[in-house]
Amino acid sequence: MTMRPLIFLALAVVLAGVALEGGTEGAGDCGKSSADRMALRMAPCISAADDPESAPTGSCCSAVHTIGKSPSCLCAVMLSGTAKMAGIKPEVAITIPKRCNIADRPVGYKCGDYTLP
């Protein structure tokens, strides 16, 4: 468990290097930012995305609320390569908006094989 934040930090450094080299090529699910870059904003959610019984922190809920304004971006972030490399379980991560009690979450939104509760 203590290794995961270090892995996430290493991914952040790699992604920062990629961003400096190539930047963005156009608008995607998260506008001008890639889903992998936006996934870095979800760092406070690492334990909540691993354990369905873990209460998300306020900073996690704030990040989810901001990114969740675009359901397609939130979905892309949860299924991103960065999330996968950090060991995020999409079936658990998809429940964070509900666990944060976000009233305007897109209930029923299809995210790959998952549906936002």
PDB file of N, CA and C in Angstrom:
ATOM      1  N   MET A   1       0.826  -1.191   0.000  1.00  0.00           N
ATOM      2  CA  MET A   1       0.000   0.000   0.000  1.00  0.00           C
ATOM      3  C   MET A   1       0.871   1.257   0.000  1.00  0.00           C
ATOM      4  N   THR A   2       2.000   1.240   0.667  1.00  0.00           N
ATOM      5  CA  THR A   2       2.855   2.422   0.693  1.00  0.00           C
ATOM      6  C   THR A   2       3.564   2.611  -0.631  1.00  0.00           C
ATOM      7  N   MET A   3       3.645   1.585  -1.450  1.00  0.00           N
ATOM      8  CA  MET A   3       4.289   1.685  -2.752  1.00  0.00           C
ATOM      9  C   MET A   3       3.408   2.419  -3.764  1.00  0.00           C
ATOM     10  N   ARG A   4       2.097   2.344  -3.590  1.00  0.00           N
ATOM     11  CA  ARG A   4       1.181   2.929  -4.573  1.00  0.00           C
ATOM     12  C   ARG A   4       1.355   4.435  -4.737  1.00  0.00           C
ATOM     13  N   PRO A   5       1.485   5.202  -3.662  1.00  0.00           N
ATOM     14  CA  PRO A   5       1.705   6.643  -3.862  1.00  0.00           C
ATOM     15  C   PRO A   5       3.006   6.919  -4.612  1.00  0.00           C
ATOM     16  N   LEU A   6       4.031   6.101  -4.375  1.00  0.00           N
ATOM     17  CA  LEU A   6       5.297   6.283  -5.095  1.00  0.00           C
ATOM     18  C   LEU A   6       5.127   5.976  -6.574  1.00  0.00           C
ATOM     19  N   ILE A   7       4.367   4.937  -6.886  1.00  0.00           N
ATOM     20  CA  ILE A   7       4.097   4.611  -8.283  1.00  0.00           C
ATOM     21  C   ILE A   7       3.324   5.740  -8.934  1.00  0.00           C
ATOM     22  N   PHE A   8       2.337   6.273  -8.216  1.00  0.00           N
ATOM     23  CA  PHE A   8       1.532   7.368  -8.746  1.00  0.00           C
ATOM     24  C   PHE A   8       2.397   8.598  -9.001  1.00  0.00           C
ATOM     25  N   LEU A   9       3.336   8.868  -8.082  1.00  0.00           N
ATOM     26  CA  LEU A   9       4.247   9.994  -8.249  1.00  0.00           C
ATOM     27  C   LEU A   9       5.153   9.775  -9.462  1.00  0.00           C
ATOM     28  N   ALA A  10       5.640   8.559  -9.634  1.00  0.00           N
ATOM     29  CA  ALA A  10       6.485   8.256 -10.793  1.00  0.00           C
ATOM     30  C   ALA A  10       5.704   8.454 -12.087  1.00  0.00           C
ATOM     31  N   LEU A  11       4.448   8.030 -12.086  1.00  0.00           N
ATOM     32  CA  LEU A  11       3.607   8.236 -13.269  1.00  0.00           C
ATOM     33  C   LEU A  11       3.415   9.723 -13.548  1.00  0.00           C
ATOM     34  N   ALA A  12       3.275  10.505 -12.496  1.00  0.00           N
ATOM     35  CA  ALA A  12       3.104  11.949 -12.660  1.00  0.00           C
ATOM     36  C   ALA A  12       4.329  12.561 -13.320  1.00  0.00           C
ATOM     37  N   VAL A  13       5.504  12.130 -12.895  1.00  0.00           N
ATOM     38  CA  VAL A  13       6.741  12.661 -13.472  1.00  0.00           C
ATOM     39  C   VAL A  13       6.843  12.278 -14.942  1.00  0.00           C
ATOM     40  N   VAL A  14       6.522  11.025 -15.269  1.00  0.00           N
ATOM     41  CA  VAL A  14       6.572  10.567 -16.665  1.00  0.00           C
ATOM     42  C   VAL A  14       5.580  11.345 -17.513  1.00  0.00           C
ATOM     43  N   LEU A  15       4.358  11.497 -17.012  1.00  0.00           N
ATOM     44  CA  LEU A  15       3.341  12.221 -17.771  1.00  0.00           C
ATOM     45  C   LEU A  15       3.700  13.689 -17.941  1.00  0.00           C
ATOM     46  N   ALA A  16       4.325  14.276 -16.941  1.00  0.00           N
ATOM     47  CA  ALA A  16       4.754  15.670 -17.060  1.00  0.00           C
ATOM     48  C   ALA A  16       5.788  15.793 -18.170  1.00  0.00           C
ATOM     49  N   GLY A  17       6.688  14.832 -18.262  1.00  0.00           N
ATOM     50  CA  GLY A  17       7.684  14.838 -19.335  1.00  0.00           C
ATOM     51  C   GLY A  17       7.043  14.702 -20.696  1.00  0.00           C
ATOM     52  N   VAL A  18       6.055  13.826 -20.798  1.00  0.00           N
ATOM     53  CA  VAL A  18       5.344  13.651 -22.072  1.00  0.00           C
ATOM     54  C   VAL A  18       4.611  14.932 -22.433  1.00  0.00           C
ATOM     55  N   ALA A  19       3.991  15.564 -21.453  1.00  0.00           N
ATOM     56  CA  ALA A  19       3.249  16.800 -21.707  1.00  0.00           C
ATOM     57  C   ALA A  19       4.182  17.903 -22.203  1.00  0.00           C
ATOM     58  N   LEU A  20       5.371  17.976 -21.640  1.00  0.00           N
ATOM     59  CA  LEU A  20       6.319  18.999 -22.072  1.00  0.00           C
ATOM     60  C   LEU A  20       6.819  18.739 -23.480  1.00  0.00           C
ATOM     61  N   GLU A  21       6.946  17.464 -23.848  1.00  0.00           N
ATOM     62  CA  GLU A  21       7.413  17.123 -25.189  1.00  0.00           C
ATOM     63  C   GLU A  21       6.369  17.407 -26.251  1.00  0.00           C
ATOM     64  N   GLY A  22       5.181  16.816 -26.047  1.00  0.00           N
ATOM     65  CA  GLY A  22       4.223  16.858 -27.137  1.00  0.00           C
ATOM     66  C   GLY A  22       3.006  17.723 -26.911  1.00  0.00           C
ATOM     67  N   GLY A  23       2.671  17.985 -25.651  1.00  0.00           N
ATOM     68  CA  GLY A  23       1.464  18.756 -25.384  1.00  0.00           C
ATOM     69  C   GLY A  23       0.228  17.973 -25.777  1.00  0.00           C
ATOM     70  N   THR A  24      -0.823  18.682 -26.123  1.00  0.00           N
ATOM     71  CA  THR A  24      -2.052  18.034 -26.533  1.00  0.00           C
ATOM     72  C   THR A  24      -2.260  18.269 -28.018  1.00  0.00           C
ATOM     73  N   GLU A  25      -2.930  17.315 -28.620  1.00  0.00           N
ATOM     74  CA  GLU A  25      -3.140  17.410 -30.059  1.00  0.00           C
ATOM     75  C   GLU A  25      -4.524  17.918 -30.412  1.00  0.00           C
ATOM     76  N   GLY A  26      -5.404  18.019 -29.461  1.00  0.00           N
ATOM     77  CA  GLY A  26      -6.750  18.486 -29.749  1.00  0.00           C
ATOM     78  C   GLY A  26      -7.666  18.145 -28.602  1.00  0.00           C
ATOM     79  N   ALA A  27      -8.921  18.425 -28.773  1.00  0.00           N
ATOM     80  CA  ALA A  27      -9.891  18.189 -27.716  1.00  0.00           C
ATOM     81  C   ALA A  27     -10.262  16.722 -27.668  1.00  0.00           C
ATOM     82  N   GLY A  28     -10.275  16.184 -26.466  1.00  0.00           N
ATOM     83  CA  GLY A  28     -10.704  14.814 -26.238  1.00  0.00           C
ATOM     84  C   GLY A  28     -11.830  14.818 -25.231  1.00  0.00           C
ATOM     85  N   ASP A  29     -11.978  13.707 -24.517  1.00  0.00           N
ATOM     86  CA  ASP A  29     -13.033  13.608 -23.517  1.00  0.00           C
ATOM     87  C   ASP A  29     -12.877  14.645 -22.409  1.00  0.00           C
ATOM     88  N   CYS A  30     -11.646  15.078 -22.168  1.00  0.00           N
ATOM     89  CA  CYS A  30     -11.369  16.037 -21.094  1.00  0.00           C
ATOM     90  C   CYS A  30     -10.912  17.380 -21.654  1.00  0.00           C
ATOM     91  N   GLY A  31     -11.411  17.750 -22.785  1.00  0.00           N
ATOM     92  CA  GLY A  31     -11.034  19.019 -23.395  1.00  0.00           C
ATOM     93  C   GLY A  31      -9.613  18.971 -23.903  1.00  0.00           C
ATOM     94  N   LYS A  32      -8.824  19.979 -23.567  1.00  0.00           N
ATOM     95  CA  LYS A  32      -7.452  20.045 -24.052  1.00  0.00           C
ATOM     96  C   LYS A  32      -6.490  19.194 -23.237  1.00  0.00           C
ATOM     97  N   SER A  33      -6.916  18.715 -22.066  1.00  0.00           N
ATOM     98  CA  SER A  33      -6.073  17.858 -21.240  1.00  0.00           C
ATOM     99  C   SER A  33      -6.383  16.399 -21.534  1.00  0.00           C
ATOM    100  N   SER A  34      -5.366  15.565 -21.493  1.00  0.00           N
ATOM    101  CA  SER A  34      -5.586  14.133 -21.701  1.00  0.00           C
ATOM    102  C   SER A  34      -6.208  13.533 -20.439  1.00  0.00           C
ATOM    103  N   ALA A  35      -6.875  12.409 -20.619  1.00  0.00           N
ATOM    104  CA  ALA A  35      -7.463  11.712 -19.469  1.00  0.00           C
ATOM    105  C   ALA A  35      -6.362  11.295 -18.498  1.00  0.00           C
ATOM    106  N   ASP A  36      -5.196  10.928 -19.025  1.00  0.00           N
ATOM    107  CA  ASP A  36      -4.086  10.542 -18.150  1.00  0.00           C
ATOM    108  C   ASP A  36      -3.616  11.728 -17.307  1.00  0.00           C
ATOM    109  N   ARG A  37      -3.565  12.899 -17.890  1.00  0.00           N
ATOM    110  CA  ARG A  37      -3.161  14.084 -17.128  1.00  0.00           C
ATOM    111  C   ARG A  37      -4.226  14.431 -16.089  1.00  0.00           C
ATOM    112  N   MET A  38      -5.485  14.327 -16.470  1.00  0.00           N
ATOM    113  CA  MET A  38      -6.568  14.609 -15.516  1.00  0.00           C
ATOM    114  C   MET A  38      -6.589  13.582 -14.383  1.00  0.00           C
ATOM    115  N   ALA A  39      -6.148  12.361 -14.669  1.00  0.00           N
ATOM    116  CA  ALA A  39      -6.123  11.316 -13.640  1.00  0.00           C
ATOM    117  C   ALA A  39      -5.213  11.704 -12.484  1.00  0.00           C
ATOM    118  N   LEU A  40      -4.213  12.507 -12.764  1.00  0.00           N
ATOM    119  CA  LEU A  40      -3.306  12.947 -11.699  1.00  0.00           C
ATOM    120  C   LEU A  40      -4.036  13.784 -10.654  1.00  0.00           C
ATOM    121  N   ARG A  41      -5.099  14.448 -11.067  1.00  0.00           N
ATOM    122  CA  ARG A  41      -5.892  15.254 -10.120  1.00  0.00           C
ATOM    123  C   ARG A  41      -6.680  14.372  -9.158  1.00  0.00           C
ATOM    124  N   MET A  42      -6.767  13.095  -9.514  1.00  0.00           N
ATOM    125  CA  MET A  42      -7.523  12.152  -8.692  1.00  0.00           C
ATOM    126  C   MET A  42      -6.653  11.478  -7.628  1.00  0.00           C
ATOM    127  N   ALA A  43      -5.417  11.934  -7.477  1.00  0.00           N
ATOM    128  CA  ALA A  43      -4.501  11.335  -6.492  1.00  0.00           C
ATOM    129  C   ALA A  43      -5.111  11.234  -5.095  1.00  0.00           C
ATOM    130  N   PRO A  44      -5.892  12.222  -4.625  1.00  0.00           N
ATOM    131  CA  PRO A  44      -6.477  12.094  -3.284  1.00  0.00           C
ATOM    132  C   PRO A  44      -7.489  10.946  -3.172  1.00  0.00           C
ATOM    133  N   CYS A  45      -7.851  10.357  -4.299  1.00  0.00           N
ATOM    134  CA  CYS A  45      -8.863   9.295  -4.301  1.00  0.00           C
ATOM    135  C   CYS A  45      -8.264   7.893  -4.301  1.00  0.00           C
ATOM    136  N   ILE A  46      -6.946   7.786  -4.186  1.00  0.00           N
ATOM    137  CA  ILE A  46      -6.294   6.494  -4.362  1.00  0.00           C
ATOM    138  C   ILE A  46      -6.847   5.424  -3.415  1.00  0.00           C
ATOM    139  N   SER A  47      -7.062   5.742  -2.145  1.00  0.00           N
ATOM    140  CA  SER A  47      -7.576   4.718  -1.225  1.00  0.00           C
ATOM    141  C   SER A  47      -9.064   4.466  -1.459  1.00  0.00           C
ATOM    142  N   ALA A  48      -9.818   5.502  -1.796  1.00  0.00           N
ATOM    143  CA  ALA A  48     -11.250   5.331  -2.069  1.00  0.00           C
ATOM    144  C   ALA A  48     -11.486   4.522  -3.341  1.00  0.00           C
ATOM    145  N   ALA A  49     -10.533   4.574  -4.271  1.00  0.00           N
ATOM    146  CA  ALA A  49     -10.664   3.826  -5.524  1.00  0.00           C
ATOM    147  C   ALA A  49     -10.208   2.381  -5.364  1.00  0.00           C
ATOM    148  N   ASP A  50      -9.614   2.090  -4.216  1.00  0.00           N
ATOM    149  CA  ASP A  50      -9.126   0.736  -3.955  1.00  0.00           C
ATOM    150  C   ASP A  50     -10.059  -0.040  -3.038  1.00  0.00           C
ATOM    151  N   ASP A  51     -10.713   0.671  -2.130  1.00  0.00           N
ATOM    152  CA  ASP A  51     -11.542   0.043  -1.107  1.00  0.00           C
ATOM    153  C   ASP A  51     -12.950   0.635  -1.131  1.00  0.00           C
ATOM    154  N   PRO A  52     -13.949  -0.170  -1.514  1.00  0.00           N
ATOM    155  CA  PRO A  52     -15.318   0.360  -1.609  1.00  0.00           C
ATOM    156  C   PRO A  52     -15.900   0.791  -0.263  1.00  0.00           C
ATOM    157  N   GLU A  53     -15.282   0.382   0.840  1.00  0.00           N
ATOM    158  CA  GLU A  53     -15.748   0.764   2.172  1.00  0.00           C
ATOM    159  C   GLU A  53     -15.056   2.022   2.683  1.00  0.00           C
ATOM    160  N   SER A  54     -14.025   2.480   1.974  1.00  0.00           N
ATOM    161  CA  SER A  54     -13.271   3.658   2.391  1.00  0.00           C
ATOM    162  C   SER A  54     -14.057   4.924   2.067  1.00  0.00           C
ATOM    163  N   ALA A  55     -14.126   5.818   3.038  1.00  0.00           N
ATOM    164  CA  ALA A  55     -14.800   7.098   2.813  1.00  0.00           C
ATOM    165  C   ALA A  55     -13.864   8.013   2.028  1.00  0.00           C
ATOM    166  N   PRO A  56     -14.322   8.553   0.888  1.00  0.00           N
ATOM    167  CA  PRO A  56     -13.477   9.473   0.121  1.00  0.00           C
ATOM    168  C   PRO A  56     -13.204  10.750   0.924  1.00  0.00           C
ATOM    169  N   THR A  57     -12.018  11.294   0.768  1.00  0.00           N
ATOM    170  CA  THR A  57     -11.660  12.539   1.448  1.00  0.00           C
ATOM    171  C   THR A  57     -12.366  13.715   0.777  1.00  0.00           C
ATOM    172  N   GLY A  58     -12.373  14.832   1.457  1.00  0.00           N
ATOM    173  CA  GLY A  58     -12.963  16.039   0.887  1.00  0.00           C
ATOM    174  C   GLY A  58     -12.258  16.459  -0.393  1.00  0.00           C
ATOM    175  N   SER A  59     -10.922  16.338  -0.415  1.00  0.00           N
ATOM    176  CA  SER A  59     -10.188  16.723  -1.624  1.00  0.00           C
ATOM    177  C   SER A  59     -10.473  15.754  -2.770  1.00  0.00           C
ATOM    178  N   CYS A  60     -10.700  14.493  -2.450  1.00  0.00           N
ATOM    179  CA  CYS A  60     -11.088  13.524  -3.478  1.00  0.00           C
ATOM    180  C   CYS A  60     -12.448  13.917  -4.057  1.00  0.00           C
ATOM    181  N   CYS A  61     -13.410  14.169  -3.190  1.00  0.00           N
ATOM    182  CA  CYS A  61     -14.761  14.519  -3.650  1.00  0.00           C
ATOM    183  C   CYS A  61     -14.759  15.805  -4.468  1.00  0.00           C
ATOM    184  N   SER A  62     -13.928  16.745  -4.073  1.00  0.00           N
ATOM    185  CA  SER A  62     -13.821  17.993  -4.825  1.00  0.00           C
ATOM    186  C   SER A  62     -13.294  17.731  -6.238  1.00  0.00           C
ATOM    187  N   ALA A  63     -12.261  16.885  -6.344  1.00  0.00           N
ATOM    188  CA  ALA A  63     -11.700  16.551  -7.657  1.00  0.00           C
ATOM    189  C   ALA A  63     -12.722  15.811  -8.513  1.00  0.00           C
ATOM    190  N   VAL A  64     -13.424  14.862  -7.905  1.00  0.00           N
ATOM    191  CA  VAL A  64     -14.429  14.089  -8.637  1.00  0.00           C
ATOM    192  C   VAL A  64     -15.560  15.000  -9.107  1.00  0.00           C
ATOM    193  N   HIS A  65     -15.978  15.922  -8.262  1.00  0.00           N
ATOM    194  CA  HIS A  65     -17.053  16.841  -8.639  1.00  0.00           C
ATOM    195  C   HIS A  65     -16.634  17.714  -9.817  1.00  0.00           C
ATOM    196  N   THR A  66     -15.409  18.215  -9.769  1.00  0.00           N
ATOM    197  CA  THR A  66     -14.914  19.070 -10.862  1.00  0.00           C
ATOM    198  C   THR A  66     -14.788  18.296 -12.162  1.00  0.00           C
ATOM    199  N   ILE A  67     -14.129  17.145 -12.103  1.00  0.00           N
ATOM    200  CA  ILE A  67     -13.930  16.340 -13.319  1.00  0.00           C
ATOM    201  C   ILE A  67     -15.265  15.768 -13.791  1.00  0.00           C
ATOM    202  N   GLY A  68     -16.151  15.437 -12.838  1.00  0.00           N
ATOM    203  CA  GLY A  68     -17.442  14.837 -13.164  1.00  0.00           C
ATOM    204  C   GLY A  68     -18.416  15.767 -13.857  1.00  0.00           C
ATOM    205  N   LYS A  69     -18.069  17.046 -13.981  1.00  0.00           N
ATOM    206  CA  LYS A  69     -18.935  17.956 -14.743  1.00  0.00           C
ATOM    207  C   LYS A  69     -19.010  17.512 -16.197  1.00  0.00           C
ATOM    208  N   SER A  70     -18.007  16.755 -16.615  1.00  0.00           N
ATOM    209  CA  SER A  70     -18.026  16.121 -17.932  1.00  0.00           C
ATOM    210  C   SER A  70     -18.006  14.607 -17.692  1.00  0.00           C
ATOM    211  N   PRO A  71     -19.165  13.958 -17.760  1.00  0.00           N
ATOM    212  CA  PRO A  71     -19.206  12.511 -17.505  1.00  0.00           C
ATOM    213  C   PRO A  71     -18.255  11.715 -18.390  1.00  0.00           C
ATOM    214  N   SER A  72     -18.088  12.138 -19.637  1.00  0.00           N
ATOM    215  CA  SER A  72     -17.183  11.396 -20.520  1.00  0.00           C
ATOM    216  C   SER A  72     -15.737  11.536 -20.057  1.00  0.00           C
ATOM    217  N   CYS A  73     -15.381  12.687 -19.495  1.00  0.00           N
ATOM    218  CA  CYS A  73     -14.034  12.885 -18.958  1.00  0.00           C
ATOM    219  C   CYS A  73     -13.845  12.026 -17.714  1.00  0.00           C
ATOM    220  N   LEU A  74     -14.802  12.042 -16.813  1.00  0.00           N
ATOM    221  CA  LEU A  74     -14.709  11.239 -15.601  1.00  0.00           C
ATOM    222  C   LEU A  74     -14.538   9.767 -15.953  1.00  0.00           C
ATOM    223  N   CYS A  75     -15.286   9.312 -16.911  1.00  0.00           N
ATOM    224  CA  CYS A  75     -15.199   7.932 -17.376  1.00  0.00           C
ATOM    225  C   CYS A  75     -13.806   7.660 -17.959  1.00  0.00           C
ATOM    226  N   ALA A  76     -13.337   8.548 -18.822  1.00  0.00           N
ATOM    227  CA  ALA A  76     -12.023   8.371 -19.446  1.00  0.00           C
ATOM    228  C   ALA A  76     -10.920   8.342 -18.393  1.00  0.00           C
ATOM    229  N   VAL A  77     -11.040   9.174 -17.366  1.00  0.00           N
ATOM    230  CA  VAL A  77     -10.049   9.218 -16.288  1.00  0.00           C
ATOM    231  C   VAL A  77     -10.045   7.898 -15.534  1.00  0.00           C
ATOM    232  N   MET A  78     -11.224   7.384 -15.185  1.00  0.00           N
ATOM    233  CA  MET A  78     -11.316   6.150 -14.413  1.00  0.00           C
ATOM    234  C   MET A  78     -10.806   4.935 -15.181  1.00  0.00           C
ATOM    235  N   LEU A  79     -10.863   5.011 -16.508  1.00  0.00           N
ATOM    236  CA  LEU A  79     -10.410   3.899 -17.345  1.00  0.00           C
ATOM    237  C   LEU A  79      -9.056   4.184 -17.994  1.00  0.00           C
ATOM    238  N   SER A  80      -8.408   5.279 -17.601  1.00  0.00           N
ATOM    239  CA  SER A  80      -7.156   5.697 -18.230  1.00  0.00           C
ATOM    240  C   SER A  80      -5.998   4.753 -17.916  1.00  0.00           C
ATOM    241  N   GLY A  81      -4.973   4.858 -18.725  1.00  0.00           N
ATOM    242  CA  GLY A  81      -3.763   4.090 -18.497  1.00  0.00           C
ATOM    243  C   GLY A  81      -3.128   4.429 -17.162  1.00  0.00           C
ATOM    244  N   THR A  82      -3.172   5.699 -16.775  1.00  0.00           N
ATOM    245  CA  THR A  82      -2.610   6.120 -15.494  1.00  0.00           C
ATOM    246  C   THR A  82      -3.345   5.434 -14.348  1.00  0.00           C
ATOM    247  N   ALA A  83      -4.669   5.402 -14.420  1.00  0.00           N
ATOM    248  CA  ALA A  83      -5.454   4.742 -13.368  1.00  0.00           C
ATOM    249  C   ALA A  83      -5.129   3.248 -13.324  1.00  0.00           C
ATOM    250  N   LYS A  84      -5.016   2.628 -14.485  1.00  0.00           N
ATOM    251  CA  LYS A  84      -4.696   1.196 -14.526  1.00  0.00           C
ATOM    252  C   LYS A  84      -3.316   0.933 -13.941  1.00  0.00           C
ATOM    253  N   MET A  85      -2.324   1.755 -14.310  1.00  0.00           N
ATOM    254  CA  MET A  85      -0.962   1.555 -13.807  1.00  0.00           C
ATOM    255  C   MET A  85      -0.871   1.804 -12.306  1.00  0.00           C
ATOM    256  N   ALA A  86      -1.754   2.641 -11.775  1.00  0.00           N
ATOM    257  CA  ALA A  86      -1.772   2.910 -10.337  1.00  0.00           C
ATOM    258  C   ALA A  86      -2.537   1.826  -9.576  1.00  0.00           C
ATOM    259  N   GLY A  87      -3.098   0.864 -10.312  1.00  0.00           N
ATOM    260  CA  GLY A  87      -3.821  -0.236  -9.682  1.00  0.00           C
ATOM    261  C   GLY A  87      -5.242   0.097  -9.291  1.00  0.00           C
ATOM    262  N   ILE A  88      -5.788   1.143  -9.902  1.00  0.00           N
ATOM    263  CA  ILE A  88      -7.168   1.547  -9.599  1.00  0.00           C
ATOM    264  C   ILE A  88      -8.128   0.481 -10.118  1.00  0.00           C
ATOM    265  N   LYS A  89      -9.101   0.145  -9.288  1.00  0.00           N
ATOM    266  CA  LYS A  89     -10.137  -0.815  -9.679  1.00  0.00           C
ATOM    267  C   LYS A  89     -11.326  -0.019 -10.228  1.00  0.00           C
ATOM    268  N   PRO A  90     -11.568  -0.091 -11.545  1.00  0.00           N
ATOM    269  CA  PRO A  90     -12.657   0.714 -12.109  1.00  0.00           C
ATOM    270  C   PRO A  90     -14.014   0.423 -11.474  1.00  0.00           C
ATOM    271  N   GLU A  91     -14.242  -0.830 -11.103  1.00  0.00           N
ATOM    272  CA  GLU A  91     -15.530  -1.179 -10.502  1.00  0.00           C
ATOM    273  C   GLU A  91     -15.721  -0.522  -9.141  1.00  0.00           C
ATOM    274  N   VAL A  92     -14.631  -0.142  -8.487  1.00  0.00           N
ATOM    275  CA  VAL A  92     -14.704   0.577  -7.214  1.00  0.00           C
ATOM    276  C   VAL A  92     -14.688   2.083  -7.467  1.00  0.00           C
ATOM    277  N   ALA A  93     -13.818   2.526  -8.363  1.00  0.00           N
ATOM    278  CA  ALA A  93     -13.699   3.959  -8.666  1.00  0.00           C
ATOM    279  C   ALA A  93     -15.024   4.539  -9.157  1.00  0.00           C
ATOM    280  N   ILE A  94     -15.766   3.754  -9.893  1.00  0.00           N
ATOM    281  CA  ILE A  94     -17.032   4.223 -10.470  1.00  0.00           C
ATOM    282  C   ILE A  94     -18.048   4.569  -9.372  1.00  0.00           C
ATOM    283  N   THR A  95     -17.824   4.069  -8.157  1.00  0.00           N
ATOM    284  CA  THR A  95     -18.757   4.336  -7.055  1.00  0.00           C
ATOM    285  C   THR A  95     -18.403   5.596  -6.264  1.00  0.00           C
ATOM    286  N   ILE A  96     -17.257   6.202  -6.541  1.00  0.00           N
ATOM    287  CA  ILE A  96     -16.826   7.360  -5.753  1.00  0.00           C
ATOM    288  C   ILE A  96     -17.809   8.530  -5.840  1.00  0.00           C
ATOM    289  N   PRO A  97     -18.334   8.898  -7.015  1.00  0.00           N
ATOM    290  CA  PRO A  97     -19.289  10.020  -7.029  1.00  0.00           C
ATOM    291  C   PRO A  97     -20.483   9.794  -6.095  1.00  0.00           C
ATOM    292  N   LYS A  98     -20.978   8.559  -6.028  1.00  0.00           N
ATOM    293  CA  LYS A  98     -22.090   8.266  -5.130  1.00  0.00           C
ATOM    294  C   LYS A  98     -21.636   8.337  -3.682  1.00  0.00           C
ATOM    295  N   ARG A  99     -20.448   7.799  -3.383  1.00  0.00           N
ATOM    296  CA  ARG A  99     -19.937   7.830  -2.009  1.00  0.00           C
ATOM    297  C   ARG A  99     -19.623   9.250  -1.560  1.00  0.00           C
ATOM    298  N   CYS A 100     -19.387  10.147  -2.521  1.00  0.00           N
ATOM    299  CA  CYS A 100     -19.169  11.562  -2.199  1.00  0.00           C
ATOM    300  C   CYS A 100     -20.483  12.325  -2.075  1.00  0.00           C
ATOM    301  N   ASN A 101     -21.587  11.629  -2.287  1.00  0.00           N
ATOM    302  CA  ASN A 101     -22.921  12.246  -2.228  1.00  0.00           C
ATOM    303  C   ASN A 101     -23.061  13.403  -3.207  1.00  0.00           C
ATOM    304  N   ILE A 102     -22.505  13.230  -4.397  1.00  0.00           N
ATOM    305  CA  ILE A 102     -22.616  14.266  -5.429  1.00  0.00           C
ATOM    306  C   ILE A 102     -24.009  14.155  -6.043  1.00  0.00           C
ATOM    307  N   ALA A 103     -24.829  15.137  -5.756  1.00  0.00           N
ATOM    308  CA  ALA A 103     -26.243  15.098  -6.159  1.00  0.00           C
ATOM    309  C   ALA A 103     -26.425  15.122  -7.671  1.00  0.00           C
ATOM    310  N   ASP A 104     -25.577  15.887  -8.367  1.00  0.00           N
ATOM    311  CA  ASP A 104     -25.763  16.023  -9.812  1.00  0.00           C
ATOM    312  C   ASP A 104     -24.887  15.058 -10.613  1.00  0.00           C
ATOM    313  N   ARG A 105     -24.518  13.930  -9.998  1.00  0.00           N
ATOM    314  CA  ARG A 105     -23.721  12.934 -10.717  1.00  0.00           C
ATOM    315  C   ARG A 105     -24.584  12.300 -11.815  1.00  0.00           C
ATOM    316  N   PRO A 106     -23.955  11.856 -12.885  1.00  0.00           N
ATOM    317  CA  PRO A 106     -24.715  11.299 -14.015  1.00  0.00           C
ATOM    318  C   PRO A 106     -25.113   9.835 -13.774  1.00  0.00           C
ATOM    319  N   VAL A 107     -26.087   9.623 -12.907  1.00  0.00           N
ATOM    320  CA  VAL A 107     -26.551   8.273 -12.575  1.00  0.00           C
ATOM    321  C   VAL A 107     -26.968   7.554 -13.862  1.00  0.00           C
ATOM    322  N   GLY A 108     -26.485   6.328 -14.013  1.00  0.00           N
ATOM    323  CA  GLY A 108     -26.834   5.520 -15.182  1.00  0.00           C
ATOM    324  C   GLY A 108     -25.919   5.716 -16.373  1.00  0.00           C
ATOM    325  N   TYR A 109     -24.954   6.628 -16.263  1.00  0.00           N
ATOM    326  CA  TYR A 109     -24.027   6.882 -17.380  1.00  0.00           C
ATOM    327  C   TYR A 109     -23.166   5.650 -17.598  1.00  0.00           C
ATOM    328  N   LYS A 110     -23.109   5.174 -18.840  1.00  0.00           N
ATOM    329  CA  LYS A 110     -22.315   4.005 -19.181  1.00  0.00           C
ATOM    330  C   LYS A 110     -20.862   4.407 -19.350  1.00  0.00           C
ATOM    331  N   CYS A 111     -20.005   3.688 -18.652  1.00  0.00           N
ATOM    332  CA  CYS A 111     -18.567   3.943 -18.673  1.00  0.00           C
ATOM    333  C   CYS A 111     -17.883   2.617 -18.978  1.00  0.00           C
ATOM    334  N   GLY A 112     -17.696   2.330 -20.236  1.00  0.00           N
ATOM    335  CA  GLY A 112     -17.150   1.025 -20.625  1.00  0.00           C
ATOM    336  C   GLY A 112     -18.104  -0.065 -20.187  1.00  0.00           C
ATOM    337  N   ASP A 113     -17.591  -1.014 -19.425  1.00  0.00           N
ATOM    338  CA  ASP A 113     -18.411  -2.117 -18.915  1.00  0.00           C
ATOM    339  C   ASP A 113     -19.141  -1.759 -17.626  1.00  0.00           C
ATOM    340  N   TYR A 114     -18.991  -0.516 -17.175  1.00  0.00           N
ATOM    341  CA  TYR A 114     -19.533  -0.093 -15.888  1.00  0.00           C
ATOM    342  C   TYR A 114     -20.612   0.976 -16.068  1.00  0.00           C
ATOM    343  N   THR A 115     -21.481   1.081 -15.062  1.00  0.00           N
ATOM    344  CA  THR A 115     -22.530   2.092 -15.059  1.00  0.00           C
ATOM    345  C   THR A 115     -22.437   2.865 -13.761  1.00  0.00           C
ATOM    346  N   LEU A 116     -22.434   4.201 -13.865  1.00  0.00           N
ATOM    347  CA  LEU A 116     -22.365   5.041 -12.663  1.00  0.00           C
ATOM    348  C   LEU A 116     -23.614   4.845 -11.815  1.00  0.00           C
ATOM    349  N   PRO A 117     -23.412   4.476 -10.540  1.00  0.00           N
ATOM    350  CA  PRO A 117     -24.585   4.282  -9.654  1.00  0.00           C
ATOM    351  C   PRO A 117     -25.126   5.622  -9.171  1.00  0.00           C
TER     352      PRO A 117
END
